[in-house]
Amino acid sequence: MTRLQSLTNLISKNTEPSTPAQLYQYALRLLTGRDYSAARIRQKLATREAAEGDIDDVIARLQCEGWLDDRRYAVRFAESALSSGRYYGARLRMEMRRRGFTADVVNETLAPLLAESDEISEVRSAAKRRYPGFSYSAASDRDKQRVVGFLQRRGFGFSAIMQALRVEE
């Protein structure tokens, strides 16, 4: 079989209408690798050209059986993002919405997590991890902009960044 034929076969396999049992098995295979939100699973099942009712049934079954839980996934994602310093505040909220979590789930998840953390100490630790030995008073304007920009892209507020960097001195 030539390469073009095998590629054509792969494409045609994914676009054939699927039965509810096939959709369920496909969703389980996805969920064994990592967590997904219900919205993302819905998108993936829709690429299988399934009926909307079948997709709803599969998602309901996965949720009833405990395989698919948006709140559990949201808590895991938020805790991981905060502990690793990848995202904070507005950026974390945006990433969670991008992953398909509803606004209610995002708010319920982030309210206790962000209340526990101290933004200024998080800014300090993120800056020290990325730029060890950085001194705001001794840095050039270009270096200050680079560090502040990095921290803002992580989701920290400008006032918290400036407070944390200036207190270091």
N, C-alpha and C. Protein backbone atom coordinates (compact mmCIF):
# COMPACT_ATOMS: atom_id res chain seq x y z
N MET A 1 0.85 -1.18 0.00
CA MET A 1 0.00 0.00 0.00
C MET A 1 0.90 1.24 0.00
N THR A 2 0.61 2.17 -0.84
CA THR A 2 1.44 3.37 -0.90
C THR A 2 1.12 4.28 0.26
N ARG A 3 1.98 5.21 0.46
CA ARG A 3 1.82 6.14 1.59
C ARG A 3 0.54 6.96 1.44
N LEU A 4 0.23 7.38 0.22
CA LEU A 4 -0.98 8.17 -0.01
C LEU A 4 -2.23 7.37 0.28
N GLN A 5 -2.24 6.09 -0.09
CA GLN A 5 -3.40 5.25 0.18
C GLN A 5 -3.59 5.05 1.68
N SER A 6 -2.49 4.83 2.40
CA SER A 6 -2.63 4.63 3.85
C SER A 6 -3.12 5.90 4.53
N LEU A 7 -2.67 7.06 4.06
CA LEU A 7 -3.15 8.32 4.61
C LEU A 7 -4.63 8.49 4.32
N THR A 8 -5.05 8.13 3.13
CA THR A 8 -6.46 8.23 2.76
C THR A 8 -7.30 7.30 3.64
N ASN A 9 -6.79 6.10 3.92
CA ASN A 9 -7.52 5.17 4.79
C ASN A 9 -7.65 5.72 6.20
N LEU A 10 -6.60 6.35 6.72
CA LEU A 10 -6.66 6.93 8.06
C LEU A 10 -7.70 8.03 8.12
N ILE A 11 -7.73 8.86 7.10
CA ILE A 11 -8.68 9.97 7.08
C ILE A 11 -10.10 9.42 6.99
N SER A 12 -10.32 8.44 6.15
CA SER A 12 -11.68 7.91 5.99
C SER A 12 -12.15 7.18 7.23
N LYS A 13 -11.23 6.55 7.99
CA LYS A 13 -11.63 5.86 9.21
C LYS A 13 -12.16 6.84 10.24
N ASN A 14 -11.56 8.02 10.33
CA ASN A 14 -11.97 8.99 11.34
C ASN A 14 -13.25 9.72 10.98
N THR A 15 -13.65 9.69 9.73
CA THR A 15 -14.83 10.44 9.34
C THR A 15 -16.06 9.56 9.17
N GLU A 16 -15.91 8.25 9.37
CA GLU A 16 -17.08 7.38 9.29
C GLU A 16 -17.95 7.60 10.52
N PRO A 17 -19.27 7.58 10.34
CA PRO A 17 -20.14 7.72 11.51
C PRO A 17 -19.89 6.60 12.51
N SER A 18 -19.87 6.95 13.77
CA SER A 18 -19.57 5.98 14.82
C SER A 18 -20.83 5.62 15.59
N THR A 19 -20.84 4.42 16.10
CA THR A 19 -21.94 3.98 16.95
C THR A 19 -21.69 4.50 18.37
N PRO A 20 -22.72 4.54 19.19
CA PRO A 20 -22.50 4.99 20.58
C PRO A 20 -21.46 4.15 21.32
N ALA A 21 -21.43 2.84 21.06
CA ALA A 21 -20.44 1.98 21.73
C ALA A 21 -19.02 2.34 21.29
N GLN A 22 -18.84 2.63 20.01
CA GLN A 22 -17.52 3.04 19.51
C GLN A 22 -17.11 4.39 20.09
N LEU A 23 -18.06 5.29 20.18
CA LEU A 23 -17.78 6.61 20.76
C LEU A 23 -17.36 6.48 22.22
N TYR A 24 -18.06 5.63 22.95
CA TYR A 24 -17.74 5.43 24.35
C TYR A 24 -16.33 4.85 24.50
N GLN A 25 -16.00 3.86 23.71
CA GLN A 25 -14.66 3.26 23.76
C GLN A 25 -13.59 4.28 23.40
N TYR A 26 -13.85 5.10 22.40
CA TYR A 26 -12.91 6.13 21.98
C TYR A 26 -12.69 7.14 23.11
N ALA A 27 -13.78 7.55 23.75
CA ALA A 27 -13.68 8.51 24.86
C ALA A 27 -12.91 7.91 26.03
N LEU A 28 -13.14 6.65 26.32
CA LEU A 28 -12.39 5.99 27.39
C LEU A 28 -10.90 5.93 27.08
N ARG A 29 -10.57 5.64 25.83
CA ARG A 29 -9.15 5.63 25.43
C ARG A 29 -8.52 6.99 25.62
N LEU A 30 -9.25 8.04 25.28
CA LEU A 30 -8.73 9.39 25.49
C LEU A 30 -8.50 9.67 26.96
N LEU A 31 -9.46 9.29 27.79
CA LEU A 31 -9.40 9.60 29.21
C LEU A 31 -8.39 8.75 29.96
N THR A 32 -7.93 7.66 29.40
CA THR A 32 -6.88 6.88 30.06
C THR A 32 -5.55 7.59 29.96
N GLY A 33 -5.37 8.41 28.94
CA GLY A 33 -4.12 9.13 28.77
C GLY A 33 -4.00 10.35 29.66
N ARG A 34 -5.09 11.08 29.81
CA ARG A 34 -5.10 12.29 30.64
C ARG A 34 -6.53 12.75 30.82
N ASP A 35 -6.72 13.75 31.68
CA ASP A 35 -8.06 14.29 31.91
C ASP A 35 -8.44 15.25 30.78
N TYR A 36 -9.71 15.31 30.52
CA TYR A 36 -10.28 16.25 29.56
C TYR A 36 -11.51 16.88 30.20
N SER A 37 -11.86 18.06 29.72
CA SER A 37 -13.13 18.65 30.13
C SER A 37 -14.23 18.05 29.26
N ALA A 38 -15.46 18.17 29.72
CA ALA A 38 -16.59 17.65 28.94
C ALA A 38 -16.68 18.34 27.59
N ALA A 39 -16.38 19.64 27.55
CA ALA A 39 -16.44 20.38 26.30
C ALA A 39 -15.40 19.86 25.30
N ARG A 40 -14.21 19.54 25.79
CA ARG A 40 -13.16 19.04 24.89
C ARG A 40 -13.48 17.62 24.40
N ILE A 41 -14.03 16.78 25.26
CA ILE A 41 -14.46 15.45 24.82
C ILE A 41 -15.55 15.57 23.78
N ARG A 42 -16.46 16.52 24.00
CA ARG A 42 -17.54 16.75 23.02
C ARG A 42 -16.95 17.11 21.66
N GLN A 43 -15.94 17.98 21.64
CA GLN A 43 -15.29 18.36 20.37
C GLN A 43 -14.66 17.15 19.70
N LYS A 44 -13.96 16.35 20.47
CA LYS A 44 -13.28 15.18 19.91
C LYS A 44 -14.28 14.16 19.37
N LEU A 45 -15.39 13.96 20.07
CA LEU A 45 -16.40 13.03 19.59
C LEU A 45 -17.11 13.56 18.35
N ALA A 46 -17.26 14.87 18.27
CA ALA A 46 -17.92 15.47 17.10
C ALA A 46 -17.12 15.24 15.83
N THR A 47 -15.80 15.11 15.94
CA THR A 47 -14.99 14.85 14.75
C THR A 47 -15.25 13.46 14.19
N ARG A 48 -15.89 12.61 14.97
CA ARG A 48 -16.23 11.26 14.53
C ARG A 48 -17.56 11.23 13.77
N GLU A 49 -18.11 12.37 13.46
CA GLU A 49 -19.38 12.51 12.75
C GLU A 49 -20.49 11.72 13.43
N ALA A 50 -20.59 11.90 14.72
CA ALA A 50 -21.63 11.22 15.49
C ALA A 50 -22.83 12.14 15.66
N ALA A 51 -23.96 11.54 15.91
CA ALA A 51 -25.18 12.30 16.17
C ALA A 51 -25.03 13.02 17.51
N GLU A 52 -25.59 14.20 17.60
CA GLU A 52 -25.49 15.00 18.82
C GLU A 52 -26.09 14.27 20.02
N GLY A 53 -27.16 13.56 19.80
CA GLY A 53 -27.77 12.79 20.88
C GLY A 53 -26.87 11.69 21.40
N ASP A 54 -26.15 11.03 20.49
CA ASP A 54 -25.21 9.98 20.90
C ASP A 54 -24.06 10.57 21.71
N ILE A 55 -23.59 11.73 21.31
CA ILE A 55 -22.50 12.39 22.05
C ILE A 55 -22.98 12.75 23.46
N ASP A 56 -24.19 13.28 23.55
CA ASP A 56 -24.74 13.63 24.87
C ASP A 56 -24.86 12.39 25.75
N ASP A 57 -25.31 11.29 25.18
CA ASP A 57 -25.45 10.04 25.94
C ASP A 57 -24.10 9.54 26.43
N VAL A 58 -23.09 9.58 25.58
CA VAL A 58 -21.76 9.11 25.96
C VAL A 58 -21.19 9.99 27.08
N ILE A 59 -21.33 11.29 26.95
CA ILE A 59 -20.81 12.20 27.98
C ILE A 59 -21.54 11.98 29.30
N ALA A 60 -22.85 11.81 29.25
CA ALA A 60 -23.62 11.55 30.48
C ALA A 60 -23.18 10.24 31.13
N ARG A 61 -22.94 9.22 30.31
CA ARG A 61 -22.49 7.93 30.86
C ARG A 61 -21.11 8.05 31.50
N LEU A 62 -20.21 8.76 30.84
CA LEU A 62 -18.86 8.95 31.39
C LEU A 62 -18.91 9.71 32.71
N GLN A 63 -19.78 10.69 32.79
CA GLN A 63 -19.91 11.47 34.02
C GLN A 63 -20.53 10.63 35.13
N CYS A 64 -21.54 9.83 34.81
CA CYS A 64 -22.18 8.98 35.83
C CYS A 64 -21.20 7.94 36.36
N GLU A 65 -20.35 7.42 35.50
CA GLU A 65 -19.40 6.40 35.91
C GLU A 65 -18.15 6.99 36.58
N GLY A 66 -18.04 8.31 36.58
CA GLY A 66 -16.91 8.96 37.25
C GLY A 66 -15.66 9.12 36.41
N TRP A 67 -15.74 8.80 35.12
CA TRP A 67 -14.57 8.95 34.25
C TRP A 67 -14.35 10.39 33.84
N LEU A 68 -15.41 11.15 33.78
CA LEU A 68 -15.34 12.53 33.30
C LEU A 68 -15.90 13.45 34.37
N ASP A 69 -15.06 14.29 34.94
CA ASP A 69 -15.47 15.19 36.02
C ASP A 69 -14.75 16.52 35.84
N ASP A 70 -15.47 17.52 35.38
CA ASP A 70 -14.87 18.83 35.12
C ASP A 70 -14.30 19.46 36.38
N ARG A 71 -14.98 19.34 37.49
CA ARG A 71 -14.51 19.96 38.73
C ARG A 71 -13.20 19.33 39.20
N ARG A 72 -13.11 18.02 39.14
CA ARG A 72 -11.89 17.33 39.54
C ARG A 72 -10.71 17.75 38.65
N TYR A 73 -10.95 17.77 37.35
CA TYR A 73 -9.91 18.16 36.41
C TYR A 73 -9.52 19.62 36.61
N ALA A 74 -10.49 20.49 36.87
CA ALA A 74 -10.20 21.91 37.07
C ALA A 74 -9.32 22.11 38.30
N VAL A 75 -9.61 21.41 39.38
CA VAL A 75 -8.81 21.54 40.60
C VAL A 75 -7.39 21.04 40.34
N ARG A 76 -7.26 19.89 39.69
CA ARG A 76 -5.93 19.36 39.38
C ARG A 76 -5.13 20.32 38.50
N PHE A 77 -5.78 20.83 37.47
CA PHE A 77 -5.09 21.73 36.56
C PHE A 77 -4.65 23.01 37.26
N ALA A 78 -5.55 23.60 38.05
CA ALA A 78 -5.24 24.86 38.73
C ALA A 78 -4.13 24.66 39.76
N GLU A 79 -4.20 23.59 40.54
CA GLU A 79 -3.15 23.34 41.53
C GLU A 79 -1.80 23.14 40.86
N SER A 80 -1.79 22.41 39.77
CA SER A 80 -0.55 22.17 39.05
C SER A 80 0.02 23.46 38.47
N ALA A 81 -0.84 24.28 37.88
CA ALA A 81 -0.39 25.53 37.28
C ALA A 81 0.15 26.49 38.34
N LEU A 82 -0.51 26.55 39.49
CA LEU A 82 -0.05 27.44 40.56
C LEU A 82 1.24 26.94 41.19
N SER A 83 1.34 25.65 41.42
CA SER A 83 2.55 25.14 42.08
C SER A 83 3.77 25.21 41.18
N SER A 84 3.57 25.06 39.88
CA SER A 84 4.71 25.12 38.96
C SER A 84 5.05 26.56 38.56
N GLY A 85 4.13 27.48 38.84
CA GLY A 85 4.37 28.88 38.48
C GLY A 85 4.07 29.19 37.02
N ARG A 86 3.41 28.26 36.33
CA ARG A 86 3.08 28.50 34.92
C ARG A 86 2.09 29.63 34.74
N TYR A 87 1.01 29.60 35.51
CA TYR A 87 -0.04 30.60 35.38
C TYR A 87 -0.48 31.06 36.75
N TYR A 88 -1.01 32.27 36.78
CA TYR A 88 -1.54 32.83 38.02
C TYR A 88 -2.61 33.84 37.64
N GLY A 89 -3.60 34.02 38.47
CA GLY A 89 -4.60 35.07 38.31
C GLY A 89 -5.36 35.02 37.01
N ALA A 90 -5.33 36.14 36.30
CA ALA A 90 -6.10 36.28 35.07
C ALA A 90 -5.66 35.30 34.00
N ARG A 91 -4.38 35.04 33.91
CA ARG A 91 -3.88 34.10 32.91
C ARG A 91 -4.37 32.68 33.19
N LEU A 92 -4.39 32.30 34.45
CA LEU A 92 -4.89 30.98 34.82
C LEU A 92 -6.37 30.87 34.49
N ARG A 93 -7.12 31.91 34.80
CA ARG A 93 -8.55 31.93 34.49
C ARG A 93 -8.77 31.79 32.98
N MET A 94 -7.98 32.50 32.18
CA MET A 94 -8.10 32.43 30.73
C MET A 94 -7.75 31.03 30.20
N GLU A 95 -6.71 30.43 30.73
CA GLU A 95 -6.31 29.08 30.30
C GLU A 95 -7.39 28.06 30.63
N MET A 96 -8.01 28.21 31.78
CA MET A 96 -9.05 27.28 32.16
C MET A 96 -10.28 27.44 31.25
N ARG A 97 -10.63 28.65 30.93
CA ARG A 97 -11.76 28.88 30.02
C ARG A 97 -11.43 28.33 28.62
N ARG A 98 -10.18 28.47 28.21
CA ARG A 98 -9.76 27.97 26.90
C ARG A 98 -9.87 26.45 26.84
N ARG A 99 -9.67 25.79 27.95
CA ARG A 99 -9.74 24.33 28.01
C ARG A 99 -11.17 23.82 28.11
N GLY A 100 -12.15 24.72 28.15
CA GLY A 100 -13.55 24.31 28.09
C GLY A 100 -14.29 24.30 29.40
N PHE A 101 -13.70 24.82 30.46
CA PHE A 101 -14.40 24.87 31.74
C PHE A 101 -15.39 26.02 31.73
N THR A 102 -16.54 25.82 32.35
CA THR A 102 -17.53 26.89 32.44
C THR A 102 -17.04 27.94 33.43
N ALA A 103 -17.61 29.11 33.35
CA ALA A 103 -17.22 30.21 34.25
C ALA A 103 -17.49 29.84 35.70
N ASP A 104 -18.57 29.12 35.97
CA ASP A 104 -18.88 28.71 37.34
C ASP A 104 -17.81 27.78 37.89
N VAL A 105 -17.38 26.81 37.10
CA VAL A 105 -16.36 25.86 37.54
C VAL A 105 -15.05 26.59 37.79
N VAL A 106 -14.70 27.52 36.91
CA VAL A 106 -13.46 28.29 37.07
C VAL A 106 -13.50 29.10 38.36
N ASN A 107 -14.60 29.80 38.59
CA ASN A 107 -14.72 30.63 39.79
C ASN A 107 -14.70 29.79 41.06
N GLU A 108 -15.43 28.67 41.07
CA GLU A 108 -15.46 27.81 42.25
C GLU A 108 -14.10 27.20 42.54
N THR A 109 -13.35 26.91 41.51
CA THR A 109 -12.04 26.30 41.68
C THR A 109 -11.00 27.31 42.14
N LEU A 110 -11.00 28.47 41.52
CA LEU A 110 -9.93 29.44 41.79
C LEU A 110 -10.13 30.25 43.07
N ALA A 111 -11.36 30.44 43.49
CA ALA A 111 -11.60 31.26 44.68
C ALA A 111 -10.81 30.76 45.90
N PRO A 112 -10.94 29.49 46.29
CA PRO A 112 -10.16 29.05 47.46
C PRO A 112 -8.66 28.96 47.20
N LEU A 113 -8.28 28.58 45.99
CA LEU A 113 -6.85 28.43 45.71
C LEU A 113 -6.12 29.77 45.72
N LEU A 114 -6.72 30.79 45.12
CA LEU A 114 -6.07 32.10 45.08
C LEU A 114 -6.16 32.81 46.42
N ALA A 115 -7.19 32.48 47.22
CA ALA A 115 -7.30 33.08 48.56
C ALA A 115 -6.18 32.56 49.47
N GLU A 116 -5.78 31.31 49.27
CA GLU A 116 -4.72 30.72 50.08
C GLU A 116 -3.34 31.27 49.74
N SER A 117 -3.14 31.64 48.48
CA SER A 117 -1.80 32.04 48.05
C SER A 117 -1.59 33.55 48.22
N ASP A 118 -0.35 33.91 48.40
CA ASP A 118 0.05 35.31 48.51
C ASP A 118 0.70 35.71 47.20
N GLU A 119 0.07 36.61 46.48
CA GLU A 119 0.54 36.96 45.13
C GLU A 119 1.95 37.54 45.15
N ILE A 120 2.26 38.33 46.13
CA ILE A 120 3.59 38.97 46.16
C ILE A 120 4.68 37.92 46.37
N SER A 121 4.45 36.97 47.26
CA SER A 121 5.47 35.93 47.45
C SER A 121 5.55 35.02 46.22
N GLU A 122 4.43 34.81 45.53
CA GLU A 122 4.45 34.03 44.29
C GLU A 122 5.25 34.76 43.21
N VAL A 123 5.11 36.08 43.14
CA VAL A 123 5.88 36.87 42.19
C VAL A 123 7.37 36.74 42.49
N ARG A 124 7.73 36.85 43.75
CA ARG A 124 9.14 36.74 44.13
C ARG A 124 9.72 35.38 43.75
N SER A 125 8.98 34.33 44.07
CA SER A 125 9.51 33.00 43.78
C SER A 125 9.61 32.75 42.27
N ALA A 126 8.63 33.23 41.50
CA ALA A 126 8.70 33.07 40.04
C ALA A 126 9.87 33.85 39.46
N ALA A 127 10.10 35.06 39.97
CA ALA A 127 11.22 35.87 39.48
C ALA A 127 12.56 35.24 39.85
N LYS A 128 12.65 34.70 41.06
CA LYS A 128 13.91 34.06 41.49
C LYS A 128 14.20 32.79 40.70
N ARG A 129 13.15 32.04 40.39
CA ARG A 129 13.34 30.82 39.61
C ARG A 129 13.84 31.13 38.20
N ARG A 130 13.22 32.12 37.59
CA ARG A 130 13.54 32.44 36.19
C ARG A 130 14.78 33.31 36.07
N TYR A 131 14.93 34.27 36.97
CA TYR A 131 16.05 35.22 36.92
C TYR A 131 16.78 35.25 38.26
N PRO A 132 17.56 34.24 38.57
CA PRO A 132 18.27 34.24 39.85
C PRO A 132 19.28 35.39 39.90
N GLY A 133 19.35 36.04 41.03
CA GLY A 133 20.29 37.14 41.20
C GLY A 133 19.82 38.46 40.62
N PHE A 134 18.58 38.53 40.15
CA PHE A 134 18.07 39.78 39.58
C PHE A 134 17.85 40.80 40.68
N SER A 135 18.34 42.00 40.45
CA SER A 135 18.14 43.10 41.38
C SER A 135 17.47 44.24 40.62
N TYR A 136 16.29 44.63 41.06
CA TYR A 136 15.52 45.64 40.35
C TYR A 136 16.26 46.98 40.31
N SER A 137 16.88 47.37 41.41
CA SER A 137 17.55 48.68 41.46
C SER A 137 18.82 48.71 40.60
N ALA A 138 19.48 47.57 40.45
CA ALA A 138 20.73 47.53 39.68
C ALA A 138 20.50 47.18 38.22
N ALA A 139 19.32 46.77 37.85
CA ALA A 139 19.04 46.31 36.49
C ALA A 139 18.85 47.48 35.54
N SER A 140 19.15 47.22 34.27
CA SER A 140 18.91 48.22 33.23
C SER A 140 17.41 48.27 32.93
N ASP A 141 16.99 49.31 32.24
CA ASP A 141 15.58 49.43 31.89
C ASP A 141 15.11 48.25 31.04
N ARG A 142 15.97 47.82 30.15
CA ARG A 142 15.63 46.70 29.27
C ARG A 142 15.41 45.42 30.09
N ASP A 143 16.28 45.16 31.06
CA ASP A 143 16.14 43.97 31.90
C ASP A 143 14.89 44.06 32.78
N LYS A 144 14.60 45.26 33.28
CA LYS A 144 13.40 45.45 34.08
C LYS A 144 12.16 45.13 33.24
N GLN A 145 12.12 45.63 32.02
CA GLN A 145 10.98 45.38 31.14
C GLN A 145 10.83 43.89 30.84
N ARG A 146 11.96 43.23 30.64
CA ARG A 146 11.93 41.79 30.33
C ARG A 146 11.36 41.00 31.51
N VAL A 147 11.80 41.30 32.72
CA VAL A 147 11.34 40.58 33.91
C VAL A 147 9.87 40.90 34.18
N VAL A 148 9.49 42.16 34.11
CA VAL A 148 8.10 42.54 34.36
C VAL A 148 7.19 41.91 33.29
N GLY A 149 7.61 41.93 32.05
CA GLY A 149 6.82 41.32 30.98
C GLY A 149 6.63 39.82 31.19
N PHE A 150 7.69 39.15 31.60
CA PHE A 150 7.61 37.72 31.89
C PHE A 150 6.57 37.46 32.97
N LEU A 151 6.63 38.23 34.04
CA LEU A 151 5.71 38.02 35.16
C LEU A 151 4.27 38.37 34.77
N GLN A 152 4.09 39.39 33.95
CA GLN A 152 2.74 39.75 33.51
C GLN A 152 2.16 38.65 32.62
N ARG A 153 2.98 38.06 31.77
CA ARG A 153 2.49 36.97 30.92
C ARG A 153 2.09 35.75 31.74
N ARG A 154 2.64 35.61 32.91
CA ARG A 154 2.26 34.52 33.81
C ARG A 154 0.92 34.81 34.50
N GLY A 155 0.47 36.07 34.46
CA GLY A 155 -0.84 36.41 35.01
C GLY A 155 -0.79 37.25 36.27
N PHE A 156 0.39 37.67 36.68
CA PHE A 156 0.49 38.49 37.89
C PHE A 156 0.11 39.93 37.56
N GLY A 157 -0.48 40.61 38.53
CA GLY A 157 -0.86 42.00 38.36
C GLY A 157 0.36 42.91 38.45
N PHE A 158 0.31 44.03 37.74
CA PHE A 158 1.45 44.95 37.69
C PHE A 158 1.80 45.50 39.07
N SER A 159 0.78 45.85 39.86
CA SER A 159 1.07 46.41 41.19
C SER A 159 1.76 45.38 42.09
N ALA A 160 1.33 44.13 42.01
CA ALA A 160 1.97 43.08 42.81
C ALA A 160 3.41 42.85 42.35
N ILE A 161 3.63 42.92 41.05
CA ILE A 161 4.99 42.74 40.51
C ILE A 161 5.90 43.83 41.03
N MET A 162 5.43 45.07 40.92
CA MET A 162 6.27 46.19 41.36
C MET A 162 6.51 46.15 42.87
N GLN A 163 5.49 45.80 43.63
CA GLN A 163 5.67 45.68 45.08
C GLN A 163 6.70 44.62 45.40
N ALA A 164 6.61 43.46 44.77
CA ALA A 164 7.52 42.36 45.07
C ALA A 164 8.95 42.69 44.66
N LEU A 165 9.12 43.30 43.49
CA LEU A 165 10.47 43.58 43.00
C LEU A 165 11.14 44.72 43.78
N ARG A 166 10.36 45.71 44.16
CA ARG A 166 10.95 46.84 44.89
C ARG A 166 11.21 46.50 46.35
N VAL A 167 10.45 45.61 46.94
CA VAL A 167 10.66 45.23 48.33
C VAL A 167 11.95 44.42 48.46
N GLU A 168 12.34 43.75 47.41
CA GLU A 168 13.56 42.95 47.41
C GLU A 168 14.78 43.79 47.78
N GLU A 169 14.72 45.07 47.47
CA GLU A 169 15.91 45.92 47.64
C GLU A 169 16.19 46.21 49.08
